[in-house]
C-alpha atoms as a PDB file:
ATOM      1  CA  MET A   1      -0.010  -0.024  -0.032  1.00  0.00           C
ATOM      2  CA  LYS A   2       2.811   2.395   0.999  1.00  0.00           C
ATOM      3  CA  SER A   3       4.648   1.376  -2.209  1.00  0.00           C
ATOM      4  CA  SER A   4       1.652   2.303  -4.295  1.00  0.00           C
ATOM      5  CA  LEU A   5       1.406   5.628  -2.574  1.00  0.00           C
ATOM      6  CA  PHE A   6       5.002   6.445  -2.943  1.00  0.00           C
ATOM      7  CA  THR A   7       4.835   5.492  -6.659  1.00  0.00           C
ATOM      8  CA  THR A   8       1.790   7.817  -7.111  1.00  0.00           C
ATOM      9  CA  ILE A   9       3.623  10.701  -5.386  1.00  0.00           C
ATOM     10  CA  ALA A  10       6.729  10.333  -7.480  1.00  0.00           C
ATOM     11  CA  LEU A  11       4.649  10.190 -10.652  1.00  0.00           C
ATOM     12  CA  ILE A  12       2.965  13.469  -9.716  1.00  0.00           C
ATOM     13  CA  SER A  13       6.342  15.041  -8.818  1.00  0.00           C
ATOM     14  CA  THR A  14       7.601  14.046 -12.153  1.00  0.00           C
ATOM     15  CA  ILE A  15       4.648  15.670 -14.006  1.00  0.00           C
ATOM     16  CA  THR A  16       4.834  18.813 -12.024  1.00  0.00           C
ATOM     17  CA  ILE A  17       8.593  19.106 -12.678  1.00  0.00           C
ATOM     18  CA  ALA A  18       7.965  18.595 -16.422  1.00  0.00           C
ATOM     19  CA  ILE A  19       5.451  21.552 -16.702  1.00  0.00           C
ATOM     20  CA  PRO A  20       7.275  24.663 -17.558  1.00  0.00           C
ATOM     21  CA  THR A  21       6.724  27.676 -15.289  1.00  0.00           C
ATOM     22  CA  PRO A  22       4.877  30.430 -17.079  1.00  0.00           C
ATOM     23  CA  ALA A  23       6.189  33.221 -15.024  1.00  0.00           C
ATOM     24  CA  GLU A  24       7.622  35.233 -17.874  1.00  0.00           C
ATOM     25  CA  SER A  25       4.378  35.000 -19.742  1.00  0.00           C
ATOM     26  CA  LEU A  26       2.296  36.000 -16.728  1.00  0.00           C
ATOM     27  CA  THR A  27       4.357  39.016 -16.165  1.00  0.00           C
ATOM     28  CA  ASP A  28       3.922  40.027 -19.776  1.00  0.00           C
ATOM     29  CA  LEU A  29       0.031  39.422 -19.577  1.00  0.00           C
ATOM     30  CA  THR A  30      -0.174  41.515 -16.364  1.00  0.00           C
ATOM     31  CA  GLN A  31       1.818  44.294 -17.987  1.00  0.00           C
ATOM     32  CA  LEU A  32      -0.487  44.208 -21.056  1.00  0.00           C
ATOM     33  CA  LEU A  33      -3.698  44.300 -18.869  1.00  0.00           C
ATOM     34  CA  ASN A  34      -2.347  47.013 -16.659  1.00  0.00           C
ATOM     35  CA  THR A  35      -0.676  49.396 -19.149  1.00  0.00           C
ATOM     36  CA  LYS A  36      -1.699  48.165 -22.653  1.00  0.00           C
ATOM     37  CA  LYS A  37       1.776  48.415 -23.626  1.00  0.00           C
ATOM     38  CA  CYS A  38       3.466  45.135 -24.329  1.00  0.00           C
ATOM     39  CA  SER A  39       5.739  45.348 -27.429  1.00  0.00           C
ATOM     40  CA  GLN A  40       7.644  42.144 -28.038  1.00  0.00           C
ATOM     41  CA  CYS A  41       5.866  40.432 -25.165  1.00  0.00           C
ATOM     42  CA  ASP A  42       5.308  36.684 -24.992  1.00  0.00           C
ATOM     43  CA  LEU A  43       1.440  36.246 -24.815  1.00  0.00           C
ATOM     44  CA  SER A  44       1.312  32.985 -26.570  1.00  0.00           C
ATOM     45  CA  ASN A  45      -1.726  30.849 -25.665  1.00  0.00           C
ATOM     46  CA  SER A  46      -3.051  33.755 -23.506  1.00  0.00           C
ATOM     47  CA  GLY A  47      -6.749  33.982 -22.888  1.00  0.00           C
ATOM     48  CA  LEU A  48      -7.946  37.408 -23.760  1.00  0.00           C
ATOM     49  CA  VAL A  49     -11.492  36.848 -24.732  1.00  0.00           C
ATOM     50  CA  GLN A  50     -13.529  40.106 -24.944  1.00  0.00           C
ATOM     51  CA  THR A  51     -10.702  42.121 -23.426  1.00  0.00           C
ATOM     52  CA  ASN A  52     -10.650  45.844 -23.900  1.00  0.00           C
ATOM     53  CA  LEU A  53      -7.353  46.513 -25.804  1.00  0.00           C
ATOM     54  CA  VAL A  54      -8.122  49.766 -27.456  1.00  0.00           C
ATOM     55  CA  GLY A  55      -4.997  51.401 -28.683  1.00  0.00           C
ATOM     56  CA  ALA A  56      -2.797  48.790 -27.221  1.00  0.00           C
ATOM     57  CA  ASP A  57       0.743  48.328 -28.290  1.00  0.00           C
ATOM     58  CA  LEU A  58       1.383  44.748 -29.246  1.00  0.00           C
ATOM     59  CA  SER A  59       3.969  45.327 -31.834  1.00  0.00           C
ATOM     60  CA  GLN A  60       6.232  42.302 -32.573  1.00  0.00           C
ATOM     61  CA  ALA A  61       4.380  40.398 -29.730  1.00  0.00           C
ATOM     62  CA  ASN A  62       4.215  36.620 -29.741  1.00  0.00           C
ATOM     63  CA  LEU A  63       0.480  35.870 -29.778  1.00  0.00           C
ATOM     64  CA  VAL A  64       0.830  32.323 -31.087  1.00  0.00           C
ATOM     65  CA  GLY A  65      -2.267  30.337 -30.134  1.00  0.00           C
ATOM     66  CA  ALA A  66      -3.794  33.283 -28.078  1.00  0.00           C
ATOM     67  CA  ASN A  67      -7.496  33.585 -27.816  1.00  0.00           C
ATOM     68  CA  LEU A  68      -8.673  37.183 -28.564  1.00  0.00           C
ATOM     69  CA  SER A  69     -12.214  36.266 -29.692  1.00  0.00           C
ATOM     70  CA  GLN A  70     -14.500  39.443 -29.521  1.00  0.00           C
ATOM     71  CA  ALA A  71     -11.679  41.501 -28.099  1.00  0.00           C
ATOM     72  CA  ASN A  72     -11.686  45.237 -28.698  1.00  0.00           C
ATOM     73  CA  LEU A  73      -8.480  46.062 -30.514  1.00  0.00           C
ATOM     74  CA  THR A  74      -9.580  49.308 -32.076  1.00  0.00           C
ATOM     75  CA  GLY A  75      -6.542  51.285 -33.169  1.00  0.00           C
ATOM     76  CA  ALA A  76      -4.101  48.599 -31.718  1.00  0.00           C
ATOM     77  CA  ASP A  77      -0.556  48.384 -32.970  1.00  0.00           C
ATOM     78  CA  LEU A  78       0.140  44.753 -33.983  1.00  0.00           C
ATOM     79  CA  ARG A  79       2.897  45.456 -36.433  1.00  0.00           C
ATOM     80  CA  GLY A  80       5.086  42.458 -37.018  1.00  0.00           C
ATOM     81  CA  ALA A  81       3.321  40.337 -34.395  1.00  0.00           C
ATOM     82  CA  ASN A  82       3.237  36.608 -34.749  1.00  0.00           C
ATOM     83  CA  LEU A  83      -0.518  35.720 -34.787  1.00  0.00           C
ATOM     84  CA  THR A  84      -0.020  31.985 -35.857  1.00  0.00           C
ATOM     85  CA  GLY A  85      -3.106  30.014 -34.809  1.00  0.00           C
ATOM     86  CA  ALA A  86      -4.510  32.910 -32.836  1.00  0.00           C
ATOM     87  CA  SER A  87      -8.361  33.589 -32.710  1.00  0.00           C
ATOM     88  CA  PHE A  88      -9.667  36.895 -33.430  1.00  0.00           C
ATOM     89  CA  TYR A  89     -13.173  35.565 -33.999  1.00  0.00           C
ATOM     90  CA  GLY A  90     -15.528  38.603 -33.951  1.00  0.00           C
ATOM     91  CA  ALA A  91     -12.829  40.809 -32.750  1.00  0.00           C
ATOM     92  CA  ASN A  92     -12.909  44.588 -33.385  1.00  0.00           C
ATOM     93  CA  LEU A  93      -9.745  45.430 -35.378  1.00  0.00           C
ATOM     94  CA  THR A  94     -11.008  48.702 -36.721  1.00  0.00           C
ATOM     95  CA  GLY A  95      -8.117  51.030 -37.564  1.00  0.00           C
ATOM     96  CA  ALA A  96      -5.587  48.404 -36.211  1.00  0.00           C
ATOM     97  CA  ASN A  97      -2.127  48.314 -37.615  1.00  0.00           C
ATOM     98  CA  LEU A  98      -1.565  44.770 -38.868  1.00  0.00           C
ATOM     99  CA  ALA A  99       1.449  45.450 -41.142  1.00  0.00           C
ATOM    100  CA  GLY A 100       3.643  42.530 -41.676  1.00  0.00           C
ATOM    101  CA  VAL A 101       1.888  40.240 -39.134  1.00  0.00           C
ATOM    102  CA  ASN A 102       2.139  36.533 -39.455  1.00  0.00           C
ATOM    103  CA  LEU A 103      -1.436  35.202 -40.123  1.00  0.00           C
ATOM    104  CA  THR A 104      -0.802  31.510 -40.561  1.00  0.00           C
ATOM    105  CA  SER A 105      -3.944  29.691 -39.518  1.00  0.00           C
ATOM    106  CA  THR A 106      -5.254  32.878 -37.733  1.00  0.00           C
ATOM    107  CA  ASP A 107      -8.934  32.948 -37.128  1.00  0.00           C
ATOM    108  CA  LEU A 108     -10.368  36.178 -38.448  1.00  0.00           C
ATOM    109  CA  ARG A 109     -13.938  35.022 -38.968  1.00  0.00           C
ATOM    110  CA  ASN A 110     -16.560  37.655 -38.391  1.00  0.00           C
ATOM    111  CA  ALA A 111     -13.825  40.184 -37.424  1.00  0.00           C
ATOM    112  CA  TYR A 112     -14.173  43.922 -38.212  1.00  0.00           C
ATOM    113  CA  LEU A 113     -11.255  45.326 -40.179  1.00  0.00           C
ATOM    114  CA  ASN A 114     -12.521  48.704 -41.201  1.00  0.00           C
ATOM    115  CA  ASN A 115      -9.527  50.930 -42.007  1.00  0.00           C
ATOM    116  CA  ALA A 116      -7.107  48.331 -40.727  1.00  0.00           C
ATOM    117  CA  ASN A 117      -3.508  48.401 -42.275  1.00  0.00           C
ATOM    118  CA  LEU A 118      -2.844  44.956 -43.667  1.00  0.00           C
ATOM    119  CA  THR A 119       0.265  45.935 -45.643  1.00  0.00           C
ATOM    120  CA  GLY A 120       2.554  42.888 -46.091  1.00  0.00           C
ATOM    121  CA  ALA A 121       0.072  40.503 -44.333  1.00  0.00           C
ATOM    122  CA  ASN A 122      -0.592  37.215 -46.242  1.00  0.00           C
ATOM    123  CA  LEU A 123      -4.292  36.951 -45.964  1.00  0.00           C
ATOM    124  CA  ASP A 124      -4.472  33.689 -47.904  1.00  0.00           C
ATOM    125  CA  VAL A 125      -3.263  31.782 -44.807  1.00  0.00           C
ATOM    126  CA  ALA A 126      -5.929  33.073 -42.495  1.00  0.00           C
ATOM    127  CA  ARG A 127      -9.502  32.133 -41.954  1.00  0.00           C
ATOM    128  CA  MET A 128     -11.559  34.970 -43.368  1.00  0.00           C
ATOM    129  CA  GLU A 129     -15.192  33.784 -43.518  1.00  0.00           C
ATOM    130  CA  GLY A 130     -17.646  36.539 -42.512  1.00  0.00           C
ATOM    131  CA  ILE A 131     -15.016  39.300 -42.360  1.00  0.00           C
ATOM    132  CA  LYS A 132     -16.370  42.722 -42.218  1.00  0.00           C
ATOM    133  CA  GLY A 133     -15.168  46.084 -43.498  1.00  0.00           C
ATOM    134  CA  ILE A 134     -12.081  44.933 -45.248  1.00  0.00           C
ATOM    135  CA  ALA A 135     -10.742  47.596 -47.646  1.00  0.00           C
ATOM    136  CA  GLU A 136     -10.729  47.095 -51.343  1.00  0.00           C
ATOM    137  CA  ASN A 137      -6.928  47.710 -51.530  1.00  0.00           C
ATOM    138  CA  ALA A 138      -6.252  45.070 -48.809  1.00  0.00           C
ATOM    139  CA  ALA A 139      -6.437  42.179 -51.317  1.00  0.00           C
ATOM    140  CA  THR A 140      -6.276  41.192 -54.937  1.00  0.00           C
ATOM    141  CA  ALA A 141      -9.135  40.356 -57.179  1.00  0.00           C
ATOM    142  CA  GLU A 142      -8.169  36.729 -56.942  1.00  0.00           C
ATOM    143  CA  GLN A 143      -8.273  36.885 -53.191  1.00  0.00           C
ATOM    144  CA  PHE A 144     -11.629  38.362 -53.042  1.00  0.00           C
ATOM    145  CA  HIS A 145     -12.975  35.818 -55.540  1.00  0.00           C
ATOM    146  CA  ARG A 146     -11.528  32.890 -53.520  1.00  0.00           C
ATOM    147  CA  TRP A 147     -13.365  34.305 -50.391  1.00  0.00           C
ATOM    148  CA  GLY A 148     -16.553  34.798 -52.470  1.00  0.00           C
ATOM    149  CA  VAL A 149     -16.525  31.174 -53.407  1.00  0.00           C
ATOM    150  CA  ARG A 150     -15.837  30.145 -49.854  1.00  0.00           C
ATOM    151  CA  GLU A 151     -18.794  32.257 -48.550  1.00  0.00           C
ATOM    152  CA  ALA A 152     -21.003  30.872 -51.304  1.00  0.00           C
ATOM    153  CA  ASP A 153     -20.140  27.247 -50.282  1.00  0.00           C
ATOM    154  CA  LEU A 154     -21.168  28.086 -46.718  1.00  0.00           C
ATOM    155  CA  GLY A 155     -24.431  29.709 -47.880  1.00  0.00           C
ATOM    156  CA  ASN A 156     -23.372  33.241 -47.053  1.00  0.00           C
ATOM    157  CA  TYR A 157     -24.593  34.614 -50.328  1.00  0.00           C
ATOM    158  CA  ASN A 158     -24.622  38.339 -49.513  1.00  0.00           C
ATOM    159  CA  ALA A 159     -21.047  38.092 -48.299  1.00  0.00           C
ATOM    160  CA  ALA A 160     -20.222  36.207 -51.441  1.00  0.00           C
ATOM    161  CA  VAL A 161     -21.671  38.897 -53.750  1.00  0.00           C
ATOM    162  CA  GLN A 162     -19.793  41.658 -51.901  1.00  0.00           C
ATOM    163  CA  HIS A 163     -16.457  39.701 -52.499  1.00  0.00           C
ATOM    164  CA  TYR A 164     -17.304  39.171 -56.094  1.00  0.00           C
ATOM    165  CA  ARG A 165     -18.176  42.879 -56.580  1.00  0.00           C
ATOM    166  CA  ARG A 166     -14.939  44.000 -54.943  1.00  0.00           C
ATOM    167  CA  ALA A 167     -12.969  41.595 -57.306  1.00  0.00           C
ATOM    168  CA  ILE A 168     -14.717  43.219 -60.308  1.00  0.00           C
ATOM    169  CA  LYS A 169     -14.066  46.719 -59.008  1.00  0.00           C
ATOM    170  CA  ILE A 170     -10.352  45.835 -58.636  1.00  0.00           C
ATOM    171  CA  ASP A 171     -10.232  44.147 -62.090  1.00  0.00           C
ATOM    172  CA  PRO A 172     -13.123  44.861 -64.375  1.00  0.00           C
ATOM    173  CA  GLU A 173     -11.921  42.061 -66.597  1.00  0.00           C
ATOM    174  CA  PHE A 174     -11.788  39.499 -63.961  1.00  0.00           C
ATOM    175  CA  ALA A 175     -14.151  36.893 -65.469  1.00  0.00           C
ATOM    176  CA  PRO A 176     -14.614  34.390 -62.698  1.00  0.00           C
ATOM    177  CA  ALA A 177     -16.238  36.905 -60.454  1.00  0.00           C
ATOM    178  CA  TYR A 178     -18.806  37.778 -63.009  1.00  0.00           C
ATOM    179  CA  LEU A 179     -19.702  34.124 -63.420  1.00  0.00           C
ATOM    180  CA  GLY A 180     -19.867  33.600 -59.611  1.00  0.00           C
ATOM    181  CA  LEU A 181     -22.002  36.659 -59.350  1.00  0.00           C
ATOM    182  CA  GLY A 182     -24.321  35.367 -62.210  1.00  0.00           C
ATOM    183  CA  ILE A 183     -24.854  32.021 -60.551  1.00  0.00           C
ATOM    184  CA  ILE A 184     -25.972  33.527 -57.190  1.00  0.00           C
ATOM    185  CA  GLN A 185     -28.163  36.093 -58.923  1.00  0.00           C
ATOM    186  CA  TYR A 186     -29.907  33.344 -61.007  1.00  0.00           C
ATOM    187  CA  ASN A 187     -30.478  31.206 -57.937  1.00  0.00           C
ATOM    188  CA  PHE A 188     -32.286  34.175 -56.313  1.00  0.00           C
ATOM    189  CA  ASP A 189     -34.332  34.802 -59.506  1.00  0.00           C
ATOM    190  CA  HIS A 190     -32.432  37.907 -60.490  1.00  0.00           C
ATOM    191  CA  ARG A 191     -32.423  36.464 -63.936  1.00  0.00           C
ATOM    192  CA  VAL A 192     -31.816  39.594 -66.077  1.00  0.00           C
ATOM    193  CA  GLU A 193     -28.722  40.414 -64.008  1.00  0.00           C
ATOM    194  CA  ALA A 194     -27.553  36.730 -64.017  1.00  0.00           C
ATOM    195  CA  LYS A 195     -27.818  36.564 -67.795  1.00  0.00           C
ATOM    196  CA  LYS A 196     -25.934  39.864 -68.196  1.00  0.00           C
ATOM    197  CA  ASN A 197     -23.036  38.864 -65.884  1.00  0.00           C
ATOM    198  CA  THR A 198     -22.824  35.358 -67.342  1.00  0.00           C
ATOM    199  CA  LYS A 199     -22.634  36.826 -70.790  1.00  0.00           C
ATOM    200  CA  ILE A 200     -19.830  39.220 -69.749  1.00  0.00           C
ATOM    201  CA  ALA A 201     -17.993  36.278 -68.197  1.00  0.00           C
ATOM    202  CA  ALA A 202     -18.210  34.200 -71.295  1.00  0.00           C
ATOM    203  CA  LYS A 203     -16.967  37.117 -73.444  1.00  0.00           C
ATOM    204  CA  LEU A 204     -13.947  37.693 -71.187  1.00  0.00           C
ATOM    205  CA  PHE A 205     -13.059  34.047 -70.934  1.00  0.00           C
ATOM    206  CA  LYS A 206     -13.152  33.723 -74.617  1.00  0.00           C
ATOM    207  CA  GLU A 207     -10.940  36.826 -75.065  1.00  0.00           C
ATOM    208  CA  GLN A 208      -8.656  35.590 -72.600  1.00  0.00           C
ATOM    209  CA  GLN A 209      -8.505  32.073 -74.150  1.00  0.00           C
ATOM    210  CA  HIS A 210      -9.405  30.495 -70.854  1.00  0.00           C
ATOM    211  CA  GLU A 211     -11.068  27.380 -72.301  1.00  0.00           C
ATOM    212  CA  LEU A 212     -12.321  25.929 -69.024  1.00  0.00           C
ATOM    213  CA  GLY A 213     -13.966  29.153 -67.958  1.00  0.00           C
ATOM    214  CA  TYR A 214     -15.543  29.686 -71.312  1.00  0.00           C
ATOM    215  CA  LYS A 215     -16.968  26.205 -71.476  1.00  0.00           C
ATOM    216  CA  THR A 216     -18.294  26.588 -67.920  1.00  0.00           C
ATOM    217  CA  ALA A 217     -19.988  29.969 -68.576  1.00  0.00           C
ATOM    218  CA  VAL A 218     -21.460  28.673 -71.852  1.00  0.00           C
ATOM    219  CA  ASP A 219     -22.805  25.499 -70.040  1.00  0.00           C
ATOM    220  CA  PHE A 220     -24.433  27.766 -67.502  1.00  0.00           C
ATOM    221  CA  GLN A 221     -26.002  29.755 -70.203  1.00  0.00           C
ATOM    222  CA  GLN A 222     -27.547  26.771 -71.770  1.00  0.00           C
ATOM    223  CA  GLN A 223     -28.852  25.566 -68.448  1.00  0.00           C
ATOM    224  CA  MET A 224     -30.525  28.744 -67.873  1.00  0.00           C
ATOM    225  CA  ALA A 225     -32.084  28.500 -71.333  1.00  0.00           C
ATOM    226  CA  LEU A 226     -33.329  24.955 -70.839  1.00  0.00           C
ATOM    227  CA  ILE A 227     -34.861  25.764 -67.500  1.00  0.00           C
ATOM    228  CA  GLN A 228     -36.643  28.862 -69.018  1.00  0.00           C
ATOM    229  CA  GLU A 229     -37.981  26.737 -71.882  1.00  0.00           C
ATOM    230  CA  ALA A 230     -39.114  24.022 -69.515  1.00  0.00           C
ATOM    231  CA  GLU A 231     -40.901  26.699 -67.312  1.00  0.00           C
ATOM    232  CA  GLU A 232     -42.570  28.160 -70.345  1.00  0.00           C
ATOM    233  CA  ASN A 233     -43.823  24.738 -71.538  1.00  0.00           C
ATOM    234  CA  MET A 234     -45.047  23.838 -68.088  1.00  0.00           C
ATOM    235  CA  ALA A 235     -46.848  27.226 -67.801  1.00  0.00           C
ATOM    236  CA  GLN A 236     -48.663  26.467 -71.211  1.00  0.00           C
ATOM    237  CA  ARG A 237     -49.701  23.144 -70.100  1.00  0.00           C
ATOM    238  CA  GLU A 238     -51.030  24.168 -66.699  1.00  0.00           C
ATOM    239  CA  GLY A 239     -52.372  27.558 -67.853  1.00  0.00           C
ATOM    240  CA  GLY A 240     -50.204  29.425 -65.531  1.00  0.00           C
ATOM    241  CA  MET A 241     -46.668  30.061 -64.341  1.00  0.00           C
ATOM    242  CA  GLY A 242     -44.617  26.972 -64.258  1.00  0.00           C
ATOM    243  CA  HIS A 243     -41.412  26.678 -62.271  1.00  0.00           C
ATOM    244  CA  VAL A 244     -39.080  23.698 -62.453  1.00  0.00           C
ATOM    245  CA  GLY A 245     -36.467  24.983 -59.758  1.00  0.00           C
ATOM    246  CA  LYS A 246     -33.208  26.619 -59.874  1.00  0.00           C
ATOM    247  CA  PHE A 247     -29.731  25.695 -61.128  1.00  0.00           C
ATOM    248  CA  MET A 248     -27.670  24.687 -58.193  1.00  0.00           C
ATOM    249  CA  GLY A 249     -24.243  23.600 -57.288  1.00  0.00           C
ATOM    250  CA  SER A 250     -22.062  22.012 -60.037  1.00  0.00           C
ATOM    251  CA  VAL A 251     -20.999  25.148 -61.755  1.00  0.00           C
ATOM    252  CA  GLY A 252     -20.120  26.750 -58.593  1.00  0.00           C
ATOM    253  CA  SER A 253     -17.800  23.986 -57.583  1.00  0.00           C
ATOM    254  CA  LEU A 254     -15.689  24.869 -60.593  1.00  0.00           C
ATOM    255  CA  LEU A 255     -15.200  28.546 -59.806  1.00  0.00           C
ATOM    256  CA  LEU A 256     -11.937  28.029 -57.926  1.00  0.00           C
ATOM    257  CA  GLN A 257     -10.507  25.907 -60.700  1.00  0.00           C
ATOM    258  CA  LEU A 258     -10.899  28.874 -63.088  1.00  0.00           C
ATOM    259  CA  LEU A 259      -7.895  30.530 -61.451  1.00  0.00           C
ATOM    260  CA  LEU A 260      -5.669  27.695 -62.073  1.00  0.00           C
END
C-alpha cells in the first residue's frame, strides 16, 4: 500500500517538474492588462476573450495560439506580431495596424477590419469567412474571388456577392467573379442580371483564351435557357406560371479551378 502511494507521489512530482513555469508570460500578460503596452511580449496561448485592448501596443508580440475572440483592438498596434493559430473571431480590429503580421492559421472569422492596415500580411493563410469592412486595396481580385467562393459554399450569399463585386471593381476584366455573381443572382431569381453577368464572363473568358472558364460559362447559359424553356412549356400546359426549380451547385464547384 505504501509502495503504491510512494509511486503515485513520485509520478505526480515528475509531472509537476515537467510543466514549464509560465512566470515570464504571466508577467507580460499582467503588463498588457495594466498598461496596454506590451511590445515584443510573450503572450502565446493567452486567454484574452472580450478584453478591452483599444490602442494597445502589441507590436512584434508573440500571440501564437492566443484567444482574442471578440476582443476590442480598435486602433491597436500589432505591427510584426506573430498571430499564428491565434483567434480573433468577432474581434474589433477597426483601425488596427496589422502591417507585416504572421497570419498563418489565424482565425479572423466575423472580425471587423474597417480601416485596418494589412500591408505585407498574407491573408491567404488566415480564415476570413464573414470578415467585415475589409478595404478594397487590402487584397487582390483573386483573393476576393476565393473568399466569395468560400462564402457561397457556406451559404453566405450576401457576403459572397460583396466579395465578387470587390474583385470586379479591382479588375473589371476578372471573368470568374462575373460568373460567380451570375450564378448567385440566378439562384435568387435575378435572372436579367444573371444573364448579363454570365454573358460578360463568357466574353471575357473567350478573349482571354480560358477554355475551361468559357466552357463553364456557356454551359451555365445553356442550363438557364433549358430551365426557362421548361418553365414556359409547363406554364402552357398548366395555364399558369410553371417553375422547375433553380440551377444549383455543379458550376459553382468549378469557380476556384478557373484561377488555375
